[in-house]
PDB file of N, CA and C in Angstrom:
ATOM      1  N   MET A   1     -42.764-109.765 -49.902  1.00  0.00           N
ATOM      2  CA  MET A   1     -42.508-108.643 -50.773  1.00  0.00           C
ATOM      3  C   MET A   1     -41.939-107.474 -49.977  1.00  0.00           C
ATOM      4  N   LYS A   2     -42.466-107.243 -48.754  1.00  0.00           N
ATOM      5  CA  LYS A   2     -41.979-106.147 -47.926  1.00  0.00           C
ATOM      6  C   LYS A   2     -40.508-106.344 -47.588  1.00  0.00           C
ATOM      7  N   LYS A   3     -40.116-107.604 -47.345  1.00  0.00           N
ATOM      8  CA  LYS A   3     -38.731-107.889 -46.996  1.00  0.00           C
ATOM      9  C   LYS A   3     -37.798-107.555 -48.151  1.00  0.00           C
ATOM     10  N   ILE A   4     -38.200-107.838 -49.368  1.00  0.00           N
ATOM     11  CA  ILE A   4     -37.358-107.553 -50.538  1.00  0.00           C
ATOM     12  C   ILE A   4     -37.188-106.044 -50.707  1.00  0.00           C
ATOM     13  N   VAL A   5     -38.280-105.305 -50.592  1.00  0.00           N
ATOM     14  CA  VAL A   5     -38.219-103.847 -50.722  1.00  0.00           C
ATOM     15  C   VAL A   5     -37.355-103.254 -49.611  1.00  0.00           C
ATOM     16  N   LEU A   6     -37.510-103.747 -48.405  1.00  0.00           N
ATOM     17  CA  LEU A   6     -36.720-103.273 -47.283  1.00  0.00           C
ATOM     18  C   LEU A   6     -35.235-103.570 -47.492  1.00  0.00           C
ATOM     19  N   MET A   7     -34.895-104.752 -47.947  1.00  0.00           N
ATOM     20  CA  MET A   7     -33.504-105.115 -48.212  1.00  0.00           C
ATOM     21  C   MET A   7     -32.909-104.238 -49.311  1.00  0.00           C
ATOM     22  N   MET A   8     -33.668-103.949 -50.355  1.00  0.00           N
ATOM     23  CA  MET A   8     -33.191-103.097 -51.440  1.00  0.00           C
ATOM     24  C   MET A   8     -32.931-101.678 -50.914  1.00  0.00           C
ATOM     25  N   ALA A   9     -33.783-101.178 -50.036  1.00  0.00           N
ATOM     26  CA  ALA A   9     -33.602 -99.848 -49.456  1.00  0.00           C
ATOM     27  C   ALA A   9     -32.347 -99.805 -48.592  1.00  0.00           C
ATOM     28  N   ILE A  10     -32.104-100.840 -47.825  1.00  0.00           N
ATOM     29  CA  ILE A  10     -30.910-100.906 -46.967  1.00  0.00           C
ATOM     30  C   ILE A  10     -29.649-100.960 -47.832  1.00  0.00           C
ATOM     31  N   ILE A  11     -29.666-101.783 -48.860  1.00  0.00           N
ATOM     32  CA  ILE A  11     -28.502-101.898 -49.751  1.00  0.00           C
ATOM     33  C   ILE A  11     -28.227-100.562 -50.442  1.00  0.00           C
ATOM     34  N   ALA A  12     -29.263 -99.896 -50.922  1.00  0.00           N
ATOM     35  CA  ALA A  12     -29.081 -98.602 -51.587  1.00  0.00           C
ATOM     36  C   ALA A  12     -28.534 -97.562 -50.605  1.00  0.00           C
ATOM     37  N   GLY A  13     -29.027 -97.574 -49.381  1.00  0.00           N
ATOM     38  CA  GLY A  13     -28.545 -96.632 -48.370  1.00  0.00           C
ATOM     39  C   GLY A  13     -27.078 -96.839 -48.046  1.00  0.00           C
ATOM     40  N   VAL A  14     -26.671 -98.075 -47.903  1.00  0.00           N
ATOM     41  CA  VAL A  14     -25.261 -98.390 -47.630  1.00  0.00           C
ATOM     42  C   VAL A  14     -24.387 -97.979 -48.811  1.00  0.00           C
ATOM     43  N   ALA A  15     -24.839 -98.230 -50.018  1.00  0.00           N
ATOM     44  CA  ALA A  15     -24.064 -97.888 -51.222  1.00  0.00           C
ATOM     45  C   ALA A  15     -23.864 -96.378 -51.314  1.00  0.00           C
ATOM     46  N   PHE A  16     -24.910 -95.596 -51.084  1.00  0.00           N
ATOM     47  CA  PHE A  16     -24.790 -94.137 -51.166  1.00  0.00           C
ATOM     48  C   PHE A  16     -23.921 -93.582 -50.035  1.00  0.00           C
ATOM     49  N   THR A  17     -24.009 -94.158 -48.879  1.00  0.00           N
ATOM     50  CA  THR A  17     -23.214 -93.700 -47.741  1.00  0.00           C
ATOM     51  C   THR A  17     -21.728 -93.908 -47.996  1.00  0.00           C
ATOM     52  N   THR A  18     -21.353 -95.065 -48.510  1.00  0.00           N
ATOM     53  CA  THR A  18     -19.930 -95.313 -48.764  1.00  0.00           C
ATOM     54  C   THR A  18     -19.403 -94.420 -49.877  1.00  0.00           C
ATOM     55  N   GLN A  19     -20.208 -94.096 -50.856  1.00  0.00           N
ATOM     56  CA  GLN A  19     -19.770 -93.218 -51.944  1.00  0.00           C
ATOM     57  C   GLN A  19     -19.507 -91.805 -51.430  1.00  0.00           C
ATOM     58  N   SER A  20     -20.319 -91.295 -50.520  1.00  0.00           N
ATOM     59  CA  SER A  20     -20.097 -89.944 -49.999  1.00  0.00           C
ATOM     60  C   SER A  20     -18.835 -89.883 -49.147  1.00  0.00           C
ATOM     61  N   VAL A  21     -18.500 -90.945 -48.444  1.00  0.00           N
ATOM     62  CA  VAL A  21     -17.272 -90.994 -47.646  1.00  0.00           C
ATOM     63  C   VAL A  21     -16.062 -90.937 -48.559  1.00  0.00           C
ATOM     64  N   VAL A  22     -16.085 -91.670 -49.661  1.00  0.00           N
ATOM     65  CA  VAL A  22     -14.975 -91.658 -50.618  1.00  0.00           C
ATOM     66  C   VAL A  22     -14.834 -90.264 -51.218  1.00  0.00           C
ATOM     67  N   ALA A  23     -15.922 -89.619 -51.578  1.00  0.00           N
ATOM     68  CA  ALA A  23     -15.870 -88.289 -52.175  1.00  0.00           C
ATOM     69  C   ALA A  23     -15.308 -87.270 -51.191  1.00  0.00           C
ATOM     70  N   LEU A  24     -15.666 -87.353 -49.922  1.00  0.00           N
ATOM     71  CA  LEU A  24     -15.151 -86.412 -48.934  1.00  0.00           C
ATOM     72  C   LEU A  24     -13.655 -86.559 -48.752  1.00  0.00           C
ATOM     73  N   SER A  25     -13.156 -87.771 -48.721  1.00  0.00           N
ATOM     74  CA  SER A  25     -11.728 -87.960 -48.542  1.00  0.00           C
ATOM     75  C   SER A  25     -10.956 -87.486 -49.762  1.00  0.00           C
ATOM     76  N   MET A  26     -11.507 -87.586 -50.935  1.00  0.00           N
ATOM     77  CA  MET A  26     -10.838 -87.114 -52.141  1.00  0.00           C
ATOM     78  C   MET A  26     -10.737 -85.591 -52.142  1.00  0.00           C
ATOM     79  N   VAL A  27     -11.771 -84.891 -51.722  1.00  0.00           N
ATOM     80  CA  VAL A  27     -11.753 -83.437 -51.696  1.00  0.00           C
ATOM     81  C   VAL A  27     -10.717 -82.933 -50.709  1.00  0.00           C
ATOM     82  N   SER A  28     -10.626 -83.516 -49.535  1.00  0.00           N
ATOM     83  CA  SER A  28      -9.646 -83.061 -48.564  1.00  0.00           C
ATOM     84  C   SER A  28      -8.231 -83.321 -49.056  1.00  0.00           C
ATOM     85  N   GLY A  29      -8.021 -84.382 -49.827  1.00  0.00           N
ATOM     86  CA  GLY A  29      -6.706 -84.650 -50.393  1.00  0.00           C
ATOM     87  C   GLY A  29      -6.313 -83.590 -51.405  1.00  0.00           C
ATOM     88  N   ILE A  30      -7.249 -83.109 -52.172  1.00  0.00           N
ATOM     89  CA  ILE A  30      -6.977 -82.077 -53.167  1.00  0.00           C
ATOM     90  C   ILE A  30      -6.611 -80.770 -52.481  1.00  0.00           C
ATOM     91  N   GLU A  31      -7.271 -80.436 -51.409  1.00  0.00           N
ATOM     92  CA  GLU A  31      -6.976 -79.192 -50.702  1.00  0.00           C
ATOM     93  C   GLU A  31      -5.547 -79.170 -50.183  1.00  0.00           C
ATOM     94  N   ARG A  32      -5.060 -80.291 -49.688  1.00  0.00           N
ATOM     95  CA  ARG A  32      -3.691 -80.325 -49.167  1.00  0.00           C
ATOM     96  C   ARG A  32      -2.663 -80.135 -50.272  1.00  0.00           C
ATOM     97  N   VAL A  33      -2.933 -80.643 -51.440  1.00  0.00           N
ATOM     98  CA  VAL A  33      -1.992 -80.544 -52.548  1.00  0.00           C
ATOM     99  C   VAL A  33      -1.865 -79.102 -53.031  1.00  0.00           C
ATOM    100  N   ASN A  34      -2.947 -78.328 -52.996  1.00  0.00           N
ATOM    101  CA  ASN A  34      -2.950 -76.978 -53.542  1.00  0.00           C
ATOM    102  C   ASN A  34      -2.389 -75.912 -52.608  1.00  0.00           C
ATOM    103  N   GLN A  35      -2.002 -76.254 -51.414  1.00  0.00           N
ATOM    104  CA  GLN A  35      -1.488 -75.249 -50.495  1.00  0.00           C
ATOM    105  C   GLN A  35      -0.123 -74.773 -50.948  1.00  0.00           C
ATOM    106  N   ASP A  36       0.065 -73.449 -50.877  1.00  0.00           N
ATOM    107  CA  ASP A  36       1.352 -72.869 -51.261  1.00  0.00           C
ATOM    108  C   ASP A  36       2.329 -72.958 -50.102  1.00  0.00           C
ATOM    109  N   GLU A  37       3.559 -73.222 -50.439  1.00  0.00           N
ATOM    110  CA  GLU A  37       4.622 -73.240 -49.451  1.00  0.00           C
ATOM    111  C   GLU A  37       5.477 -72.004 -49.674  1.00  0.00           C
ATOM    112  N   PHE A  38       5.734 -71.259 -48.619  1.00  0.00           N
ATOM    113  CA  PHE A  38       6.595 -70.094 -48.724  1.00  0.00           C
ATOM    114  C   PHE A  38       8.050 -70.541 -48.756  1.00  0.00           C
ATOM    115  N   VAL A  39       8.815 -69.940 -49.655  1.00  0.00           N
ATOM    116  CA  VAL A  39      10.233 -70.235 -49.811  1.00  0.00           C
ATOM    117  C   VAL A  39      11.008 -68.973 -49.453  1.00  0.00           C
ATOM    118  N   LYS A  40      12.039 -69.127 -48.635  1.00  0.00           N
ATOM    119  CA  LYS A  40      12.816 -67.976 -48.181  1.00  0.00           C
ATOM    120  C   LYS A  40      13.593 -67.370 -49.350  1.00  0.00           C
ATOM    121  N   ILE A  41      13.574 -66.029 -49.415  1.00  0.00           N
ATOM    122  CA  ILE A  41      14.339 -65.296 -50.409  1.00  0.00           C
ATOM    123  C   ILE A  41      15.125 -64.206 -49.698  1.00  0.00           C
ATOM    124  N   GLU A  42      16.058 -63.621 -50.403  1.00  0.00           N
ATOM    125  CA  GLU A  42      16.818 -62.499 -49.852  1.00  0.00           C
ATOM    126  C   GLU A  42      15.917 -61.274 -49.810  1.00  0.00           C
ATOM    127  N   VAL A  43      16.107 -60.441 -48.800  1.00  0.00           N
ATOM    128  CA  VAL A  43      15.303 -59.224 -48.665  1.00  0.00           C
ATOM    129  C   VAL A  43      15.481 -58.338 -49.889  1.00  0.00           C
ATOM    130  N   LYS A  44      16.673 -58.295 -50.449  1.00  0.00           N
ATOM    131  CA  LYS A  44      16.954 -57.461 -51.621  1.00  0.00           C
ATOM    132  C   LYS A  44      16.195 -57.942 -52.857  1.00  0.00           C
ATOM    133  N   ASP A  45      15.700 -59.189 -52.849  1.00  0.00           N
ATOM    134  CA  ASP A  45      14.963 -59.737 -53.980  1.00  0.00           C
ATOM    135  C   ASP A  45      13.467 -59.431 -53.934  1.00  0.00           C
ATOM    136  N   LEU A  46      13.003 -58.767 -52.874  1.00  0.00           N
ATOM    137  CA  LEU A  46      11.598 -58.361 -52.799  1.00  0.00           C
ATOM    138  C   LEU A  46      11.319 -57.316 -53.877  1.00  0.00           C
ATOM    139  N   PRO A  47      10.133 -57.357 -54.497  1.00  0.00           N
ATOM    140  CA  PRO A  47       9.776 -56.292 -55.428  1.00  0.00           C
ATOM    141  C   PRO A  47       9.746 -54.944 -54.705  1.00  0.00           C
ATOM    142  N   GLN A  48      10.110 -53.906 -55.413  1.00  0.00           N
ATOM    143  CA  GLN A  48      10.166 -52.585 -54.798  1.00  0.00           C
ATOM    144  C   GLN A  48       8.806 -52.158 -54.263  1.00  0.00           C
ATOM    145  N   THR A  49       7.720 -52.544 -54.949  1.00  0.00           N
ATOM    146  CA  THR A  49       6.381 -52.174 -54.478  1.00  0.00           C
ATOM    147  C   THR A  49       6.087 -52.776 -53.105  1.00  0.00           C
ATOM    148  N   VAL A  50       6.545 -54.004 -52.896  1.00  0.00           N
ATOM    149  CA  VAL A  50       6.330 -54.670 -51.604  1.00  0.00           C
ATOM    150  C   VAL A  50       7.160 -53.986 -50.517  1.00  0.00           C
ATOM    151  N   THR A  51       8.425 -53.739 -50.809  1.00  0.00           N
ATOM    152  CA  THR A  51       9.308 -53.095 -49.833  1.00  0.00           C
ATOM    153  C   THR A  51       8.776 -51.722 -49.439  1.00  0.00           C
ATOM    154  N   GLU A  52       8.378 -50.931 -50.425  1.00  0.00           N
ATOM    155  CA  GLU A  52       7.867 -49.588 -50.141  1.00  0.00           C
ATOM    156  C   GLU A  52       6.587 -49.640 -49.313  1.00  0.00           C
ATOM    157  N   ALA A  53       5.680 -50.558 -49.642  1.00  0.00           N
ATOM    158  CA  ALA A  53       4.417 -50.666 -48.903  1.00  0.00           C
ATOM    159  C   ALA A  53       4.655 -51.042 -47.449  1.00  0.00           C
ATOM    160  N   VAL A  54       5.578 -51.977 -47.220  1.00  0.00           N
ATOM    161  CA  VAL A  54       5.865 -52.427 -45.856  1.00  0.00           C
ATOM    162  C   VAL A  54       6.474 -51.290 -45.043  1.00  0.00           C
ATOM    163  N   LEU A  55       7.476 -50.621 -45.591  1.00  0.00           N
ATOM    164  CA  LEU A  55       8.160 -49.566 -44.840  1.00  0.00           C
ATOM    165  C   LEU A  55       7.283 -48.329 -44.656  1.00  0.00           C
ATOM    166  N   LYS A  56       6.407 -48.042 -45.624  1.00  0.00           N
ATOM    167  CA  LYS A  56       5.494 -46.894 -45.494  1.00  0.00           C
ATOM    168  C   LYS A  56       4.448 -47.154 -44.404  1.00  0.00           C
ATOM    169  N   ALA A  57       3.918 -48.365 -44.351  1.00  0.00           N
ATOM    170  CA  ALA A  57       2.884 -48.695 -43.370  1.00  0.00           C
ATOM    171  C   ALA A  57       3.458 -48.910 -41.971  1.00  0.00           C
ATOM    172  N   ASN A  58       4.756 -49.159 -41.885  1.00  0.00           N
ATOM    173  CA  ASN A  58       5.388 -49.461 -40.599  1.00  0.00           C
ATOM    174  C   ASN A  58       6.654 -48.620 -40.445  1.00  0.00           C
ATOM    175  N   GLU A  59       6.469 -47.322 -40.292  1.00  0.00           N
ATOM    176  CA  GLU A  59       7.614 -46.413 -40.190  1.00  0.00           C
ATOM    177  C   GLU A  59       8.503 -46.790 -39.014  1.00  0.00           C
ATOM    178  N   GLY A  60       9.800 -46.722 -39.240  1.00  0.00           N
ATOM    179  CA  GLY A  60      10.758 -47.036 -38.195  1.00  0.00           C
ATOM    180  C   GLY A  60      11.057 -48.515 -38.063  1.00  0.00           C
ATOM    181  N   SER A  61      10.475 -49.344 -38.926  1.00  0.00           N
ATOM    182  CA  SER A  61      10.710 -50.786 -38.858  1.00  0.00           C
ATOM    183  C   SER A  61      11.777 -51.186 -39.883  1.00  0.00           C
ATOM    184  N   THR A  62      12.307 -52.376 -39.699  1.00  0.00           N
ATOM    185  CA  THR A  62      13.265 -52.925 -40.658  1.00  0.00           C
ATOM    186  C   THR A  62      12.794 -54.307 -41.087  1.00  0.00           C
ATOM    187  N   ILE A  63      13.071 -54.652 -42.332  1.00  0.00           N
ATOM    188  CA  ILE A  63      12.685 -55.958 -42.858  1.00  0.00           C
ATOM    189  C   ILE A  63      13.736 -56.977 -42.436  1.00  0.00           C
ATOM    190  N   LYS A  64      13.290 -57.986 -41.726  1.00  0.00           N
ATOM    191  CA  LYS A  64      14.189 -59.003 -41.182  1.00  0.00           C
ATOM    192  C   LYS A  64      14.329 -60.203 -42.128  1.00  0.00           C
ATOM    193  N   GLU A  65      13.198 -60.731 -42.621  1.00  0.00           N
ATOM    194  CA  GLU A  65      13.188 -61.906 -43.496  1.00  0.00           C
ATOM    195  C   GLU A  65      12.104 -61.743 -44.544  1.00  0.00           C
ATOM    196  N   ALA A  66      12.271 -62.449 -45.667  1.00  0.00           N
ATOM    197  CA  ALA A  66      11.278 -62.404 -46.741  1.00  0.00           C
ATOM    198  C   ALA A  66      11.079 -63.800 -47.315  1.00  0.00           C
ATOM    199  N   TYR A  67       9.844 -64.085 -47.707  1.00  0.00           N
ATOM    200  CA  TYR A  67       9.484 -65.374 -48.289  1.00  0.00           C
ATOM    201  C   TYR A  67       8.538 -65.120 -49.458  1.00  0.00           C
ATOM    202  N   VAL A  68       8.511 -66.044 -50.412  1.00  0.00           N
ATOM    203  CA  VAL A  68       7.609 -65.935 -51.556  1.00  0.00           C
ATOM    204  C   VAL A  68       6.891 -67.261 -51.755  1.00  0.00           C
ATOM    205  N   ALA A  69       5.644 -67.173 -52.246  1.00  0.00           N
ATOM    206  CA  ALA A  69       4.850 -68.356 -52.581  1.00  0.00           C
ATOM    207  C   ALA A  69       4.044 -68.040 -53.823  1.00  0.00           C
ATOM    208  N   GLY A  70       3.755 -69.052 -54.603  1.00  0.00           N
ATOM    209  CA  GLY A  70       2.947 -68.867 -55.801  1.00  0.00           C
ATOM    210  C   GLY A  70       3.806 -68.663 -57.028  1.00  0.00           C
ATOM    211  N   VAL A  71       3.117 -68.463 -58.157  1.00  0.00           N
ATOM    212  CA  VAL A  71       3.804 -68.263 -59.426  1.00  0.00           C
ATOM    213  C   VAL A  71       3.200 -67.079 -60.169  1.00  0.00           C
ATOM    214  N   ASP A  72       4.023 -66.413 -60.941  1.00  0.00           N
ATOM    215  CA  ASP A  72       3.650 -65.319 -61.828  1.00  0.00           C
ATOM    216  C   ASP A  72       2.707 -64.324 -61.160  1.00  0.00           C
ATOM    217  N   ALA A  73       1.485 -64.183 -61.676  1.00  0.00           N
ATOM    218  CA  ALA A  73       0.548 -63.173 -61.174  1.00  0.00           C
ATOM    219  C   ALA A  73      -0.047 -63.532 -59.827  1.00  0.00           C
ATOM    220  N   GLU A  74       0.176 -64.726 -59.354  1.00  0.00           N
ATOM    221  CA  GLU A  74      -0.396 -65.187 -58.098  1.00  0.00           C
ATOM    222  C   GLU A  74       0.611 -65.162 -56.955  1.00  0.00           C
ATOM    223  N   LYS A  75       1.713 -64.450 -57.095  1.00  0.00           N
ATOM    224  CA  LYS A  75       2.745 -64.454 -56.055  1.00  0.00           C
ATOM    225  C   LYS A  75       2.256 -63.755 -54.796  1.00  0.00           C
ATOM    226  N   LYS A  76       2.610 -64.357 -53.652  1.00  0.00           N
ATOM    227  CA  LYS A  76       2.360 -63.755 -52.345  1.00  0.00           C
ATOM    228  C   LYS A  76       3.693 -63.672 -51.630  1.00  0.00           C
ATOM    229  N   PHE A  77       3.858 -62.630 -50.843  1.00  0.00           N
ATOM    230  CA  PHE A  77       5.093 -62.434 -50.115  1.00  0.00           C
ATOM    231  C   PHE A  77       4.807 -62.377 -48.626  1.00  0.00           C
ATOM    232  N   LYS A  78       5.587 -63.123 -47.853  1.00  0.00           N
ATOM    233  CA  LYS A  78       5.509 -63.061 -46.398  1.00  0.00           C
ATOM    234  C   LYS A  78       6.758 -62.322 -45.953  1.00  0.00           C
ATOM    235  N   VAL A  79       6.540 -61.216 -45.259  1.00  0.00           N
ATOM    236  CA  VAL A  79       7.643 -60.367 -44.819  1.00  0.00           C
ATOM    237  C   VAL A  79       7.619 -60.303 -43.300  1.00  0.00           C
ATOM    238  N   ILE A  80       8.743 -60.582 -42.680  1.00  0.00           N
ATOM    239  CA  ILE A  80       8.866 -60.468 -41.228  1.00  0.00           C
ATOM    240  C   ILE A  80       9.670 -59.212 -40.953  1.00  0.00           C
ATOM    241  N   ILE A  81       9.054 -58.298 -40.198  1.00  0.00           N
ATOM    242  CA  ILE A  81       9.715 -57.039 -39.870  1.00  0.00           C
ATOM    243  C   ILE A  81       9.984 -56.968 -38.374  1.00  0.00           C
ATOM    244  N   THR A  82      10.924 -56.132 -38.014  1.00  0.00           N
ATOM    245  CA  THR A  82      11.149 -55.790 -36.612  1.00  0.00           C
ATOM    246  C   THR A  82      10.659 -54.365 -36.450  1.00  0.00           C
ATOM    247  N   ASP A  83       9.620 -54.172 -35.604  1.00  0.00           N
ATOM    248  CA  ASP A  83       9.045 -52.834 -35.457  1.00  0.00           C
ATOM    249  C   ASP A  83       9.867 -51.974 -34.499  1.00  0.00           C
ATOM    250  N   LYS A  84       9.367 -50.755 -34.269  1.00  0.00           N
ATOM    251  CA  LYS A  84      10.074 -49.790 -33.414  1.00  0.00           C
ATOM    252  C   LYS A  84      10.349 -50.333 -32.017  1.00  0.00           C
ATOM    253  N   GLU A  85       9.441 -51.152 -31.504  1.00  0.00           N
ATOM    254  CA  GLU A  85       9.579 -51.697 -30.150  1.00  0.00           C
ATOM    255  C   GLU A  85      10.461 -52.945 -30.112  1.00  0.00           C
ATOM    256  N   GLY A  86      10.961 -53.380 -31.265  1.00  0.00           N
ATOM    257  CA  GLY A  86      11.824 -54.556 -31.311  1.00  0.00           C
ATOM    258  C   GLY A  86      11.081 -55.872 -31.436  1.00  0.00           C
ATOM    259  N   GLN A  87       9.781 -55.826 -31.703  1.00  0.00           N
ATOM    260  CA  GLN A  87       8.994 -57.055 -31.833  1.00  0.00           C
ATOM    261  C   GLN A  87       8.917 -57.473 -33.299  1.00  0.00           C
ATOM    262  N   ASP A  88       8.926 -58.778 -33.545  1.00  0.00           N
ATOM    263  CA  ASP A  88       8.787 -59.292 -34.906  1.00  0.00           C
ATOM    264  C   ASP A  88       7.315 -59.351 -35.280  1.00  0.00           C
ATOM    265  N   VAL A  89       7.011 -58.870 -36.482  1.00  0.00           N
ATOM    266  CA  VAL A  89       5.644 -58.861 -37.000  1.00  0.00           C
ATOM    267  C   VAL A  89       5.677 -59.496 -38.387  1.00  0.00           C
ATOM    268  N   THR A  90       4.708 -60.379 -38.670  1.00  0.00           N
ATOM    269  CA  THR A  90       4.629 -61.033 -39.970  1.00  0.00           C
ATOM    270  C   THR A  90       3.524 -60.395 -40.798  1.00  0.00           C
ATOM    271  N   LEU A  91       3.854 -60.043 -42.040  1.00  0.00           N
ATOM    272  CA  LEU A  91       2.910 -59.420 -42.964  1.00  0.00           C
ATOM    273  C   LEU A  91       2.839 -60.259 -44.237  1.00  0.00           C
ATOM    274  N   ILE A  92       1.630 -60.321 -44.840  1.00  0.00           N
ATOM    275  CA  ILE A  92       1.448 -61.029 -46.102  1.00  0.00           C
ATOM    276  C   ILE A  92       0.956 -60.007 -47.130  1.00  0.00           C
ATOM    277  N   LEU A  93       1.648 -59.945 -48.276  1.00  0.00           N
ATOM    278  CA  LEU A  93       1.297 -58.988 -49.319  1.00  0.00           C
ATOM    279  C   LEU A  93       1.293 -59.674 -50.682  1.00  0.00           C
ATOM    280  N   ASN A  94       0.586 -59.047 -51.630  1.00  0.00           N
ATOM    281  CA  ASN A  94       0.691 -59.537 -52.999  1.00  0.00           C
ATOM    282  C   ASN A  94       1.785 -58.752 -53.713  1.00  0.00           C
ATOM    283  N   GLU A  95       2.006 -59.039 -54.979  1.00  0.00           N
ATOM    284  CA  GLU A  95       3.107 -58.435 -55.724  1.00  0.00           C
ATOM    285  C   GLU A  95       2.913 -56.932 -55.935  1.00  0.00           C
ATOM    286  N   ASN A  96       1.669 -56.456 -55.805  1.00  0.00           N
ATOM    287  CA  ASN A  96       1.382 -55.033 -55.973  1.00  0.00           C
ATOM    288  C   ASN A  96       1.567 -54.235 -54.687  1.00  0.00           C
ATOM    289  N   GLY A  97       1.970 -54.883 -53.619  1.00  0.00           N
ATOM    290  CA  GLY A  97       2.170 -54.205 -52.348  1.00  0.00           C
ATOM    291  C   GLY A  97       0.896 -54.054 -51.541  1.00  0.00           C
ATOM    292  N   GLU A  98      -0.140 -54.812 -51.867  1.00  0.00           N
ATOM    293  CA  GLU A  98      -1.408 -54.765 -51.135  1.00  0.00           C
ATOM    294  C   GLU A  98      -1.381 -55.816 -50.032  1.00  0.00           C
ATOM    295  N   PHE A  99      -1.764 -55.416 -48.834  1.00  0.00           N
ATOM    296  CA  PHE A  99      -1.764 -56.325 -47.685  1.00  0.00           C
ATOM    297  C   PHE A  99      -2.918 -57.319 -47.814  1.00  0.00           C
ATOM    298  N   LEU A 100      -2.604 -58.596 -47.611  1.00  0.00           N
ATOM    299  CA  LEU A 100      -3.623 -59.649 -47.718  1.00  0.00           C
ATOM    300  C   LEU A 100      -4.143 -60.075 -46.354  1.00  0.00           C
ATOM    301  N   SER A 101      -3.305 -60.033 -45.336  1.00  0.00           N
ATOM    302  CA  SER A 101      -3.783 -60.389 -43.986  1.00  0.00           C
ATOM    303  C   SER A 101      -2.826 -59.861 -42.957  1.00  0.00           C
TER     304      SER A 101
END
């Protein structure tokens, strides 16, 4: 009787272990699909709020490149500027001109 109970416990343990491995791989697959890709846009196509926020926070800099990701209310903008010292700096903002990182 002990052998049967022990075998059932081992089988149940193996079954639960394999199910958690499958669930973990599915979650990581979903995360990769949801990542936003930035697409290059013309600097003139940046919303005015974004342009003003970047130039106000970084006086003396110029906007070198612009990228957009997301849709509608979830848009994010990646702006590469050249600062006063000539170094490139990358900024991430939302459509309202608020810095995200």
